[in-house]
Amino acid sequence: MADIAGILKQINGNKELMAQIAKADPAQAKELFKKANIDVEESDIKKVQAAVADGKLDLNDIKDLAGGLFKK
């Protein structure tokens, strides 16, 4: 499992990339991440897409995802 919070921090400043990822299917999203030099497993793509879907990623979203990672 990738560091979802870290991935979100990397893409947070790029609103266009976030919008493209939110609308893309998992295969397309993986290619977008690859072009941005971010390695993301397909299993993590849906989590990232859910976090950026509303276009209003904030610190609470990152904390929630990070908290979910530590519960496992």
PDB file of N, CA and C in Angstrom:
ATOM      1  N   MET A   1       0.840  -1.182   0.000  1.00  0.00           N
ATOM      2  CA  MET A   1       0.000   0.000   0.000  1.00  0.00           C
ATOM      3  C   MET A   1       0.882   1.242   0.000  1.00  0.00           C
ATOM      4  N   ALA A   2       0.548   2.164  -0.858  1.00  0.00           N
ATOM      5  CA  ALA A   2       1.301   3.403  -0.981  1.00  0.00           C
ATOM      6  C   ALA A   2       0.919   4.375   0.131  1.00  0.00           C
ATOM      7  N   ASP A   3       1.704   5.397   0.261  1.00  0.00           N
ATOM      8  CA  ASP A   3       1.424   6.457   1.212  1.00  0.00           C
ATOM      9  C   ASP A   3       0.424   7.415   0.564  1.00  0.00           C
ATOM     10  N   ILE A   4      -0.857   7.181   0.778  1.00  0.00           N
ATOM     11  CA  ILE A   4      -1.915   7.967   0.143  1.00  0.00           C
ATOM     12  C   ILE A   4      -1.792   9.439   0.507  1.00  0.00           C
ATOM     13  N   ALA A   5      -1.532   9.729   1.759  1.00  0.00           N
ATOM     14  CA  ALA A   5      -1.391  11.120   2.193  1.00  0.00           C
ATOM     15  C   ALA A   5      -0.244  11.792   1.451  1.00  0.00           C
ATOM     16  N   GLY A   6       0.844  11.079   1.269  1.00  0.00           N
ATOM     17  CA  GLY A   6       1.991  11.624   0.538  1.00  0.00           C
ATOM     18  C   GLY A   6       1.646  11.906  -0.915  1.00  0.00           C
ATOM     19  N   ILE A   7       0.901  10.999  -1.522  1.00  0.00           N
ATOM     20  CA  ILE A   7       0.475  11.190  -2.915  1.00  0.00           C
ATOM     21  C   ILE A   7      -0.421  12.414  -3.019  1.00  0.00           C
ATOM     22  N   LEU A   8      -1.355  12.541  -2.084  1.00  0.00           N
ATOM     23  CA  LEU A   8      -2.266  13.689  -2.100  1.00  0.00           C
ATOM     24  C   LEU A   8      -1.512  14.994  -1.927  1.00  0.00           C
ATOM     25  N   LYS A   9      -0.510  14.997  -1.095  1.00  0.00           N
ATOM     26  CA  LYS A   9       0.292  16.210  -0.905  1.00  0.00           C
ATOM     27  C   LYS A   9       1.018  16.576  -2.190  1.00  0.00           C
ATOM     28  N   GLN A  10       1.485  15.561  -2.927  1.00  0.00           N
ATOM     29  CA  GLN A  10       2.212  15.821  -4.172  1.00  0.00           C
ATOM     30  C   GLN A  10       1.312  16.417  -5.250  1.00  0.00           C
ATOM     31  N   ILE A  11       0.068  15.983  -5.313  1.00  0.00           N
ATOM     32  CA  ILE A  11      -0.814  16.474  -6.378  1.00  0.00           C
ATOM     33  C   ILE A  11      -1.691  17.637  -5.947  1.00  0.00           C
ATOM     34  N   ASN A  12      -1.714  17.961  -4.676  1.00  0.00           N
ATOM     35  CA  ASN A  12      -2.613  18.985  -4.155  1.00  0.00           C
ATOM     36  C   ASN A  12      -2.424  20.337  -4.834  1.00  0.00           C
ATOM     37  N   GLY A  13      -1.227  20.696  -5.192  1.00  0.00           N
ATOM     38  CA  GLY A  13      -0.974  21.989  -5.816  1.00  0.00           C
ATOM     39  C   GLY A  13      -1.349  22.045  -7.283  1.00  0.00           C
ATOM     40  N   ASN A  14      -1.616  20.902  -7.896  1.00  0.00           N
ATOM     41  CA  ASN A  14      -1.911  20.852  -9.321  1.00  0.00           C
ATOM     42  C   ASN A  14      -3.394  20.552  -9.527  1.00  0.00           C
ATOM     43  N   LYS A  15      -4.191  21.604  -9.574  1.00  0.00           N
ATOM     44  CA  LYS A  15      -5.655  21.455  -9.675  1.00  0.00           C
ATOM     45  C   LYS A  15      -6.063  20.758 -10.968  1.00  0.00           C
ATOM     46  N   GLU A  16      -5.351  21.013 -12.059  1.00  0.00           N
ATOM     47  CA  GLU A  16      -5.684  20.372 -13.339  1.00  0.00           C
ATOM     48  C   GLU A  16      -5.457  18.866 -13.258  1.00  0.00           C
ATOM     49  N   LEU A  17      -4.332  18.462 -12.675  1.00  0.00           N
ATOM     50  CA  LEU A  17      -4.049  17.038 -12.520  1.00  0.00           C
ATOM     51  C   LEU A  17      -5.083  16.378 -11.614  1.00  0.00           C
ATOM     52  N   MET A  18      -5.445  17.055 -10.529  1.00  0.00           N
ATOM     53  CA  MET A  18      -6.455  16.512  -9.617  1.00  0.00           C
ATOM     54  C   MET A  18      -7.779  16.289 -10.338  1.00  0.00           C
ATOM     55  N   ALA A  19      -8.183  17.246 -11.184  1.00  0.00           N
ATOM     56  CA  ALA A  19      -9.432  17.130 -11.923  1.00  0.00           C
ATOM     57  C   ALA A  19      -9.372  15.969 -12.911  1.00  0.00           C
ATOM     58  N   GLN A  20      -8.240  15.814 -13.581  1.00  0.00           N
ATOM     59  CA  GLN A  20      -8.088  14.725 -14.547  1.00  0.00           C
ATOM     60  C   GLN A  20      -8.135  13.374 -13.848  1.00  0.00           C
ATOM     61  N   ILE A  21      -7.479  13.266 -12.716  1.00  0.00           N
ATOM     62  CA  ILE A  21      -7.454  12.006 -11.960  1.00  0.00           C
ATOM     63  C   ILE A  21      -8.849  11.654 -11.465  1.00  0.00           C
ATOM     64  N   ALA A  22      -9.586  12.646 -10.997  1.00  0.00           N
ATOM     65  CA  ALA A  22     -10.930  12.401 -10.471  1.00  0.00           C
ATOM     66  C   ALA A  22     -11.862  11.848 -11.537  1.00  0.00           C
ATOM     67  N   LYS A  23     -11.673  12.259 -12.798  1.00  0.00           N
ATOM     68  CA  LYS A  23     -12.572  11.855 -13.878  1.00  0.00           C
ATOM     69  C   LYS A  23     -12.100  10.612 -14.629  1.00  0.00           C
ATOM     70  N   ALA A  24     -10.854  10.228 -14.461  1.00  0.00           N
ATOM     71  CA  ALA A  24     -10.277   9.139 -15.240  1.00  0.00           C
ATOM     72  C   ALA A  24     -10.645   7.768 -14.682  1.00  0.00           C
ATOM     73  N   ASP A  25     -10.625   6.769 -15.568  1.00  0.00           N
ATOM     74  CA  ASP A  25     -10.782   5.406 -15.063  1.00  0.00           C
ATOM     75  C   ASP A  25      -9.428   4.996 -14.472  1.00  0.00           C
ATOM     76  N   PRO A  26      -9.381   3.929 -13.684  1.00  0.00           N
ATOM     77  CA  PRO A  26      -8.131   3.571 -13.001  1.00  0.00           C
ATOM     78  C   PRO A  26      -6.912   3.427 -13.916  1.00  0.00           C
ATOM     79  N   ALA A  27      -7.090   2.869 -15.099  1.00  0.00           N
ATOM     80  CA  ALA A  27      -5.955   2.715 -16.020  1.00  0.00           C
ATOM     81  C   ALA A  27      -5.450   4.074 -16.495  1.00  0.00           C
ATOM     82  N   GLN A  28      -6.376   4.970 -16.815  1.00  0.00           N
ATOM     83  CA  GLN A  28      -5.985   6.316 -17.242  1.00  0.00           C
ATOM     84  C   GLN A  28      -5.327   7.075 -16.095  1.00  0.00           C
ATOM     85  N   ALA A  29      -5.877   6.927 -14.896  1.00  0.00           N
ATOM     86  CA  ALA A  29      -5.316   7.604 -13.727  1.00  0.00           C
ATOM     87  C   ALA A  29      -3.894   7.123 -13.468  1.00  0.00           C
ATOM     88  N   LYS A  30      -3.661   5.829 -13.633  1.00  0.00           N
ATOM     89  CA  LYS A  30      -2.320   5.296 -13.430  1.00  0.00           C
ATOM     90  C   LYS A  30      -1.336   5.942 -14.406  1.00  0.00           C
ATOM     91  N   GLU A  31      -1.761   6.130 -15.647  1.00  0.00           N
ATOM     92  CA  GLU A  31      -0.910   6.788 -16.648  1.00  0.00           C
ATOM     93  C   GLU A  31      -0.656   8.252 -16.284  1.00  0.00           C
ATOM     94  N   LEU A  32      -1.680   8.929 -15.772  1.00  0.00           N
ATOM     95  CA  LEU A  32      -1.507  10.322 -15.350  1.00  0.00           C
ATOM     96  C   LEU A  32      -0.487  10.425 -14.216  1.00  0.00           C
ATOM     97  N   PHE A  33      -0.597   9.492 -13.254  1.00  0.00           N
ATOM     98  CA  PHE A  33       0.368   9.477 -12.162  1.00  0.00           C
ATOM     99  C   PHE A  33       1.769   9.193 -12.686  1.00  0.00           C
ATOM    100  N   LYS A  34       1.859   8.280 -13.635  1.00  0.00           N
ATOM    101  CA  LYS A  34       3.169   7.918 -14.198  1.00  0.00           C
ATOM    102  C   LYS A  34       3.809   9.128 -14.869  1.00  0.00           C
ATOM    103  N   LYS A  35       3.010   9.902 -15.623  1.00  0.00           N
ATOM    104  CA  LYS A  35       3.518  11.108 -16.291  1.00  0.00           C
ATOM    105  C   LYS A  35       3.987  12.142 -15.269  1.00  0.00           C
ATOM    106  N   ALA A  36       3.368  12.134 -14.094  1.00  0.00           N
ATOM    107  CA  ALA A  36       3.735  13.078 -13.034  1.00  0.00           C
ATOM    108  C   ALA A  36       4.851  12.514 -12.146  1.00  0.00           C
ATOM    109  N   ASN A  37       5.415  11.367 -12.553  1.00  0.00           N
ATOM    110  CA  ASN A  37       6.486  10.708 -11.792  1.00  0.00           C
ATOM    111  C   ASN A  37       6.065  10.319 -10.382  1.00  0.00           C
ATOM    112  N   ILE A  38       4.826   9.853 -10.258  1.00  0.00           N
ATOM    113  CA  ILE A  38       4.305   9.385  -8.979  1.00  0.00           C
ATOM    114  C   ILE A  38       3.908   7.929  -9.161  1.00  0.00           C
ATOM    115  N   ASP A  39       4.499   7.049  -8.354  1.00  0.00           N
ATOM    116  CA  ASP A  39       4.209   5.623  -8.455  1.00  0.00           C
ATOM    117  C   ASP A  39       3.040   5.279  -7.543  1.00  0.00           C
ATOM    118  N   VAL A  40       1.933   4.856  -8.154  1.00  0.00           N
ATOM    119  CA  VAL A  40       0.723   4.519  -7.407  1.00  0.00           C
ATOM    120  C   VAL A  40       0.225   3.159  -7.880  1.00  0.00           C
ATOM    121  N   GLU A  41      -0.100   2.305  -6.934  1.00  0.00           N
ATOM    122  CA  GLU A  41      -0.671   1.007  -7.273  1.00  0.00           C
ATOM    123  C   GLU A  41      -2.139   1.193  -7.633  1.00  0.00           C
ATOM    124  N   GLU A  42      -2.642   0.333  -8.522  1.00  0.00           N
ATOM    125  CA  GLU A  42      -4.038   0.461  -8.945  1.00  0.00           C
ATOM    126  C   GLU A  42      -5.003   0.355  -7.770  1.00  0.00           C
ATOM    127  N   SER A  43      -4.649  -0.428  -6.770  1.00  0.00           N
ATOM    128  CA  SER A  43      -5.535  -0.575  -5.615  1.00  0.00           C
ATOM    129  C   SER A  43      -5.671   0.731  -4.825  1.00  0.00           C
ATOM    130  N   ASP A  44      -4.690   1.611  -4.947  1.00  0.00           N
ATOM    131  CA  ASP A  44      -4.725   2.884  -4.222  1.00  0.00           C
ATOM    132  C   ASP A  44      -5.345   4.013  -5.042  1.00  0.00           C
ATOM    133  N   ILE A  45      -5.477   3.799  -6.339  1.00  0.00           N
ATOM    134  CA  ILE A  45      -5.980   4.864  -7.200  1.00  0.00           C
ATOM    135  C   ILE A  45      -7.385   5.287  -6.812  1.00  0.00           C
ATOM    136  N   LYS A  46      -8.265   4.340  -6.511  1.00  0.00           N
ATOM    137  CA  LYS A  46      -9.645   4.694  -6.147  1.00  0.00           C
ATOM    138  C   LYS A  46      -9.684   5.520  -4.870  1.00  0.00           C
ATOM    139  N   LYS A  47      -8.784   5.248  -3.939  1.00  0.00           N
ATOM    140  CA  LYS A  47      -8.733   6.033  -2.699  1.00  0.00           C
ATOM    141  C   LYS A  47      -8.329   7.473  -3.002  1.00  0.00           C
ATOM    142  N   VAL A  48      -7.348   7.623  -3.874  1.00  0.00           N
ATOM    143  CA  VAL A  48      -6.912   8.966  -4.253  1.00  0.00           C
ATOM    144  C   VAL A  48      -8.033   9.667  -5.018  1.00  0.00           C
ATOM    145  N   GLN A  49      -8.684   8.942  -5.934  1.00  0.00           N
ATOM    146  CA  GLN A  49      -9.774   9.544  -6.702  1.00  0.00           C
ATOM    147  C   GLN A  49     -10.907   9.999  -5.796  1.00  0.00           C
ATOM    148  N   ALA A  50     -11.236   9.215  -4.806  1.00  0.00           N
ATOM    149  CA  ALA A  50     -12.306   9.596  -3.883  1.00  0.00           C
ATOM    150  C   ALA A  50     -11.940  10.871  -3.130  1.00  0.00           C
ATOM    151  N   ALA A  51     -10.688  10.985  -2.778  1.00  0.00           N
ATOM    152  CA  ALA A  51     -10.248  12.160  -2.021  1.00  0.00           C
ATOM    153  C   ALA A  51     -10.242  13.425  -2.866  1.00  0.00           C
ATOM    154  N   VAL A  52      -9.989  13.297  -4.168  1.00  0.00           N
ATOM    155  CA  VAL A  52      -9.919  14.488  -5.014  1.00  0.00           C
ATOM    156  C   VAL A  52     -11.201  14.721  -5.806  1.00  0.00           C
ATOM    157  N   ALA A  53     -12.179  13.857  -5.656  1.00  0.00           N
ATOM    158  CA  ALA A  53     -13.401  13.926  -6.469  1.00  0.00           C
ATOM    159  C   ALA A  53     -14.125  15.260  -6.359  1.00  0.00           C
ATOM    160  N   ASP A  54     -14.198  15.824  -5.168  1.00  0.00           N
ATOM    161  CA  ASP A  54     -14.929  17.085  -5.013  1.00  0.00           C
ATOM    162  C   ASP A  54     -14.076  18.306  -5.352  1.00  0.00           C
ATOM    163  N   GLY A  55     -12.776  18.091  -5.603  1.00  0.00           N
ATOM    164  CA  GLY A  55     -11.900  19.197  -5.957  1.00  0.00           C
ATOM    165  C   GLY A  55     -11.542  20.086  -4.790  1.00  0.00           C
ATOM    166  N   LYS A  56     -11.916  19.668  -3.594  1.00  0.00           N
ATOM    167  CA  LYS A  56     -11.664  20.488  -2.407  1.00  0.00           C
ATOM    168  C   LYS A  56     -10.892  19.683  -1.368  1.00  0.00           C
ATOM    169  N   LEU A  57      -9.784  19.157  -1.778  1.00  0.00           N
ATOM    170  CA  LEU A  57      -8.935  18.397  -0.870  1.00  0.00           C
ATOM    171  C   LEU A  57      -8.432  19.327   0.225  1.00  0.00           C
ATOM    172  N   ASP A  58      -8.580  18.892   1.459  1.00  0.00           N
ATOM    173  CA  ASP A  58      -8.071  19.709   2.552  1.00  0.00           C
ATOM    174  C   ASP A  58      -7.313  18.838   3.545  1.00  0.00           C
ATOM    175  N   LEU A  59      -6.779  19.472   4.551  1.00  0.00           N
ATOM    176  CA  LEU A  59      -5.960  18.769   5.531  1.00  0.00           C
ATOM    177  C   LEU A  59      -6.738  17.660   6.234  1.00  0.00           C
ATOM    178  N   ASN A  60      -8.024  17.857   6.462  1.00  0.00           N
ATOM    179  CA  ASN A  60      -8.834  16.824   7.112  1.00  0.00           C
ATOM    180  C   ASN A  60      -8.927  15.564   6.260  1.00  0.00           C
ATOM    181  N   ASP A  61      -9.033  15.721   4.933  1.00  0.00           N
ATOM    182  CA  ASP A  61      -9.045  14.554   4.047  1.00  0.00           C
ATOM    183  C   ASP A  61      -7.751  13.769   4.198  1.00  0.00           C
ATOM    184  N   ILE A  62      -6.648  14.483   4.236  1.00  0.00           N
ATOM    185  CA  ILE A  62      -5.346  13.827   4.370  1.00  0.00           C
ATOM    186  C   ILE A  62      -5.244  13.131   5.721  1.00  0.00           C
ATOM    187  N   LYS A  63      -5.698  13.790   6.769  1.00  0.00           N
ATOM    188  CA  LYS A  63      -5.657  13.177   8.103  1.00  0.00           C
ATOM    189  C   LYS A  63      -6.525  11.930   8.163  1.00  0.00           C
ATOM    190  N   ASP A  64      -7.718  11.991   7.554  1.00  0.00           N
ATOM    191  CA  ASP A  64      -8.615  10.838   7.553  1.00  0.00           C
ATOM    192  C   ASP A  64      -7.973   9.660   6.837  1.00  0.00           C
ATOM    193  N   LEU A  65      -7.369   9.917   5.687  1.00  0.00           N
ATOM    194  CA  LEU A  65      -6.720   8.839   4.946  1.00  0.00           C
ATOM    195  C   LEU A  65      -5.522   8.294   5.699  1.00  0.00           C
ATOM    196  N   ALA A  66      -4.739   9.182   6.276  1.00  0.00           N
ATOM    197  CA  ALA A  66      -3.574   8.737   7.028  1.00  0.00           C
ATOM    198  C   ALA A  66      -4.009   7.917   8.234  1.00  0.00           C
ATOM    199  N   GLY A  67      -5.062   8.339   8.895  1.00  0.00           N
ATOM    200  CA  GLY A  67      -5.574   7.599  10.043  1.00  0.00           C
ATOM    201  C   GLY A  67      -6.043   6.215   9.642  1.00  0.00           C
ATOM    202  N   GLY A  68      -6.651   6.100   8.461  1.00  0.00           N
ATOM    203  CA  GLY A  68      -7.100   4.814   7.962  1.00  0.00           C
ATOM    204  C   GLY A  68      -5.946   3.872   7.697  1.00  0.00           C
ATOM    205  N   LEU A  69      -4.820   4.423   7.307  1.00  0.00           N
ATOM    206  CA  LEU A  69      -3.652   3.583   7.036  1.00  0.00           C
ATOM    207  C   LEU A  69      -3.103   2.968   8.301  1.00  0.00           C
ATOM    208  N   PHE A  70      -3.190   3.701   9.407  1.00  0.00           N
ATOM    209  CA  PHE A  70      -2.606   3.205  10.654  1.00  0.00           C
ATOM    210  C   PHE A  70      -3.514   2.232  11.396  1.00  0.00           C
ATOM    211  N   LYS A  71      -4.783   2.176  11.036  1.00  0.00           N
ATOM    212  CA  LYS A  71      -5.720   1.289  11.699  1.00  0.00           C
ATOM    213  C   LYS A  71      -5.519  -0.174  11.297  1.00  0.00           C
ATOM    214  N   LYS A  72      -4.901  -0.391  10.142  1.00  0.00           N
ATOM    215  CA  LYS A  72      -4.736  -1.760   9.622  1.00  0.00           C
ATOM    216  C   LYS A  72      -3.621  -2.478  10.306  1.00  0.00           C
TER     217      LYS A  72
END
